[in-house]
Amino acid sequence: MSAAEFEEPLNVEQQLAQIARAREETRKFIAEQHKLMAEAGKLDRDRLLAPFQIVVGSMAAGAALFGAGAAFVKLLGP
């Protein structure tokens, strides 16, 4: 006879407690999955918008250089 045959079957309270623990663990995994999916969505959005951020930053830098050049010419000019 094996050791499994001598074990007492779980009573109803133990079974209910085990089910409750399993359900709580499942809720935690689902919450973690939702959090990771939201983070993945944010990373996808950032990856999509990165080229536009580079373009806008370059345009702002160009405008600043143009403004500085115009101010310098105005300072030296008549």
N, C-alpha and C. Protein backbone atom coordinates (compact mmCIF):
# COMPACT_ATOMS: atom_id res chain seq x y z
N MET A 1 0.84 -1.17 0.00
CA MET A 1 0.00 0.00 0.00
C MET A 1 0.89 1.24 0.00
N SER A 2 0.42 2.23 -0.72
CA SER A 2 1.19 3.46 -0.79
C SER A 2 0.71 4.44 0.27
N ALA A 3 1.50 5.52 0.42
CA ALA A 3 1.17 6.52 1.43
C ALA A 3 -0.12 7.26 1.07
N ALA A 4 -0.42 7.36 -0.21
CA ALA A 4 -1.62 8.09 -0.64
C ALA A 4 -2.89 7.38 -0.18
N GLU A 5 -2.83 6.08 -0.03
CA GLU A 5 -4.01 5.35 0.37
C GLU A 5 -4.35 5.59 1.84
N PHE A 6 -3.36 5.93 2.66
CA PHE A 6 -3.58 6.14 4.08
C PHE A 6 -3.99 7.56 4.43
N GLU A 7 -3.85 8.48 3.47
CA GLU A 7 -4.21 9.87 3.75
C GLU A 7 -5.72 9.98 3.90
N GLU A 8 -6.11 10.83 4.83
CA GLU A 8 -7.54 11.08 5.01
C GLU A 8 -8.01 12.01 3.91
N PRO A 9 -9.21 11.80 3.43
CA PRO A 9 -9.72 12.74 2.42
C PRO A 9 -9.94 14.11 3.07
N LEU A 10 -9.79 15.13 2.26
CA LEU A 10 -9.97 16.49 2.76
C LEU A 10 -11.43 16.69 3.16
N ASN A 11 -11.62 17.36 4.26
CA ASN A 11 -13.00 17.64 4.64
C ASN A 11 -13.49 18.88 3.86
N VAL A 12 -14.72 19.19 3.99
CA VAL A 12 -15.34 20.25 3.20
C VAL A 12 -14.68 21.60 3.48
N GLU A 13 -14.38 21.90 4.75
CA GLU A 13 -13.77 23.20 5.09
C GLU A 13 -12.40 23.33 4.44
N GLN A 14 -11.62 22.26 4.45
CA GLN A 14 -10.30 22.31 3.84
C GLN A 14 -10.42 22.49 2.33
N GLN A 15 -11.37 21.81 1.73
CA GLN A 15 -11.57 21.95 0.29
C GLN A 15 -11.99 23.38 -0.06
N LEU A 16 -12.90 23.95 0.73
CA LEU A 16 -13.34 25.33 0.48
C LEU A 16 -12.18 26.31 0.64
N ALA A 17 -11.36 26.09 1.65
CA ALA A 17 -10.21 26.97 1.86
C ALA A 17 -9.23 26.85 0.70
N GLN A 18 -9.02 25.64 0.22
CA GLN A 18 -8.12 25.44 -0.91
C GLN A 18 -8.67 26.10 -2.17
N ILE A 19 -9.95 26.01 -2.39
CA ILE A 19 -10.58 26.66 -3.55
C ILE A 19 -10.46 28.17 -3.44
N ALA A 20 -10.68 28.71 -2.24
CA ALA A 20 -10.58 30.16 -2.04
C ALA A 20 -9.16 30.64 -2.30
N ARG A 21 -8.16 29.89 -1.84
CA ARG A 21 -6.76 30.27 -2.09
C ARG A 21 -6.46 30.24 -3.59
N ALA A 22 -6.94 29.22 -4.27
CA ALA A 22 -6.70 29.10 -5.70
C ALA A 22 -7.36 30.25 -6.47
N ARG A 23 -8.58 30.62 -6.05
CA ARG A 23 -9.27 31.73 -6.72
C ARG A 23 -8.55 33.05 -6.50
N GLU A 24 -8.05 33.28 -5.29
CA GLU A 24 -7.32 34.51 -4.98
C GLU A 24 -6.02 34.58 -5.78
N GLU A 25 -5.35 33.45 -5.88
CA GLU A 25 -4.10 33.41 -6.67
C GLU A 25 -4.41 33.69 -8.14
N THR A 26 -5.51 33.15 -8.64
CA THR A 26 -5.91 33.41 -10.02
C THR A 26 -6.21 34.89 -10.22
N ARG A 27 -6.90 35.53 -9.27
CA ARG A 27 -7.18 36.97 -9.38
C ARG A 27 -5.88 37.78 -9.43
N LYS A 28 -4.90 37.38 -8.62
CA LYS A 28 -3.62 38.09 -8.63
C LYS A 28 -2.93 37.95 -9.98
N PHE A 29 -2.95 36.75 -10.55
CA PHE A 29 -2.33 36.55 -11.86
C PHE A 29 -3.04 37.35 -12.94
N ILE A 30 -4.35 37.42 -12.88
CA ILE A 30 -5.11 38.19 -13.87
C ILE A 30 -4.79 39.68 -13.74
N ALA A 31 -4.71 40.17 -12.51
CA ALA A 31 -4.38 41.59 -12.30
C ALA A 31 -2.98 41.89 -12.83
N GLU A 32 -2.04 40.99 -12.60
CA GLU A 32 -0.68 41.19 -13.09
C GLU A 32 -0.67 41.16 -14.62
N GLN A 33 -1.44 40.27 -15.20
CA GLN A 33 -1.52 40.19 -16.66
C GLN A 33 -2.09 41.48 -17.24
N HIS A 34 -3.13 42.04 -16.62
CA HIS A 34 -3.70 43.30 -17.11
C HIS A 34 -2.69 44.43 -16.99
N LYS A 35 -1.94 44.45 -15.91
CA LYS A 35 -0.93 45.49 -15.72
C LYS A 35 0.15 45.38 -16.81
N LEU A 36 0.58 44.17 -17.10
CA LEU A 36 1.61 43.97 -18.12
C LEU A 36 1.09 44.32 -19.51
N MET A 37 -0.18 44.01 -19.77
CA MET A 37 -0.76 44.36 -21.07
C MET A 37 -0.85 45.87 -21.23
N ALA A 38 -1.20 46.59 -20.16
CA ALA A 38 -1.27 48.05 -20.22
C ALA A 38 0.12 48.63 -20.46
N GLU A 39 1.12 48.07 -19.80
CA GLU A 39 2.49 48.55 -19.99
C GLU A 39 2.96 48.29 -21.42
N ALA A 40 2.60 47.14 -21.97
CA ALA A 40 2.97 46.83 -23.35
C ALA A 40 2.29 47.81 -24.31
N GLY A 41 1.06 48.17 -24.03
CA GLY A 41 0.36 49.15 -24.86
C GLY A 41 1.04 50.51 -24.83
N LYS A 42 1.49 50.91 -23.65
CA LYS A 42 2.19 52.20 -23.53
C LYS A 42 3.50 52.16 -24.32
N LEU A 43 4.22 51.04 -24.24
CA LEU A 43 5.48 50.93 -24.98
C LEU A 43 5.24 50.95 -26.48
N ASP A 44 4.17 50.29 -26.94
CA ASP A 44 3.84 50.33 -28.36
C ASP A 44 3.51 51.75 -28.81
N ARG A 45 2.76 52.48 -27.98
CA ARG A 45 2.42 53.86 -28.32
C ARG A 45 3.68 54.72 -28.38
N ASP A 46 4.57 54.55 -27.42
CA ASP A 46 5.80 55.33 -27.42
C ASP A 46 6.66 55.01 -28.64
N ARG A 47 6.69 53.74 -29.02
CA ARG A 47 7.48 53.34 -30.19
C ARG A 47 6.87 53.94 -31.46
N LEU A 48 5.56 54.03 -31.51
CA LEU A 48 4.88 54.62 -32.66
C LEU A 48 5.13 56.12 -32.75
N LEU A 49 5.15 56.80 -31.61
CA LEU A 49 5.29 58.26 -31.61
C LEU A 49 6.73 58.74 -31.63
N ALA A 50 7.70 57.87 -31.46
CA ALA A 50 9.10 58.28 -31.40
C ALA A 50 9.55 59.05 -32.64
N PRO A 51 9.25 58.60 -33.86
CA PRO A 51 9.70 59.38 -35.04
C PRO A 51 9.10 60.78 -35.07
N PHE A 52 7.85 60.92 -34.65
CA PHE A 52 7.23 62.24 -34.63
C PHE A 52 7.90 63.15 -33.61
N GLN A 53 8.30 62.59 -32.50
CA GLN A 53 9.00 63.38 -31.48
C GLN A 53 10.33 63.87 -32.01
N ILE A 54 11.01 63.05 -32.79
CA ILE A 54 12.29 63.46 -33.38
C ILE A 54 12.07 64.60 -34.37
N VAL A 55 11.04 64.50 -35.18
CA VAL A 55 10.75 65.54 -36.17
C VAL A 55 10.41 66.85 -35.47
N VAL A 56 9.54 66.79 -34.48
CA VAL A 56 9.15 68.02 -33.78
C VAL A 56 10.34 68.63 -33.05
N GLY A 57 11.16 67.80 -32.44
CA GLY A 57 12.36 68.31 -31.76
C GLY A 57 13.34 68.95 -32.73
N SER A 58 13.50 68.34 -33.89
CA SER A 58 14.39 68.91 -34.90
C SER A 58 13.86 70.24 -35.43
N MET A 59 12.55 70.31 -35.63
CA MET A 59 11.96 71.57 -36.10
C MET A 59 12.12 72.67 -35.05
N ALA A 60 11.96 72.33 -33.79
CA ALA A 60 12.12 73.33 -32.73
C ALA A 60 13.57 73.80 -32.66
N ALA A 61 14.49 72.86 -32.79
CA ALA A 61 15.91 73.25 -32.77
C ALA A 61 16.23 74.13 -33.97
N GLY A 62 15.70 73.79 -35.14
CA GLY A 62 15.92 74.62 -36.33
C GLY A 62 15.35 76.02 -36.17
N ALA A 63 14.16 76.10 -35.59
CA ALA A 63 13.55 77.41 -35.36
C ALA A 63 14.38 78.23 -34.38
N ALA A 64 14.91 77.58 -33.36
CA ALA A 64 15.75 78.31 -32.40
C ALA A 64 17.02 78.81 -33.06
N LEU A 65 17.64 77.98 -33.88
CA LEU A 65 18.85 78.42 -34.59
C LEU A 65 18.54 79.55 -35.57
N PHE A 66 17.41 79.44 -36.25
CA PHE A 66 17.01 80.51 -37.17
C PHE A 66 16.79 81.82 -36.42
N GLY A 67 16.11 81.73 -35.26
CA GLY A 67 15.87 82.93 -34.46
C GLY A 67 17.16 83.52 -33.93
N ALA A 68 18.08 82.65 -33.51
CA ALA A 68 19.37 83.16 -33.02
C ALA A 68 20.15 83.82 -34.17
N GLY A 69 20.10 83.23 -35.34
CA GLY A 69 20.77 83.83 -36.52
C GLY A 69 20.16 85.16 -36.87
N ALA A 70 18.85 85.24 -36.84
CA ALA A 70 18.16 86.51 -37.16
C ALA A 70 18.52 87.58 -36.14
N ALA A 71 18.59 87.22 -34.89
CA ALA A 71 18.95 88.18 -33.85
C ALA A 71 20.40 88.66 -34.03
N PHE A 72 21.25 87.73 -34.40
CA PHE A 72 22.67 88.09 -34.60
C PHE A 72 22.81 89.03 -35.79
N VAL A 73 22.11 88.76 -36.88
CA VAL A 73 22.15 89.63 -38.05
C VAL A 73 21.59 91.00 -37.71
N LYS A 74 20.51 91.04 -36.94
CA LYS A 74 19.92 92.32 -36.53
C LYS A 74 20.89 93.10 -35.65
N LEU A 75 21.63 92.38 -34.81
CA LEU A 75 22.60 93.02 -33.92
C LEU A 75 23.75 93.63 -34.72
N LEU A 76 24.21 92.95 -35.76
CA LEU A 76 25.33 93.44 -36.56
C LEU A 76 24.91 94.40 -37.67
N GLY A 77 23.68 94.27 -38.11
CA GLY A 77 23.19 95.08 -39.24
C GLY A 77 22.85 96.52 -38.82
N PRO A 78 22.49 97.30 -39.83
CA PRO A 78 22.19 98.72 -39.58
C PRO A 78 20.92 98.96 -38.83
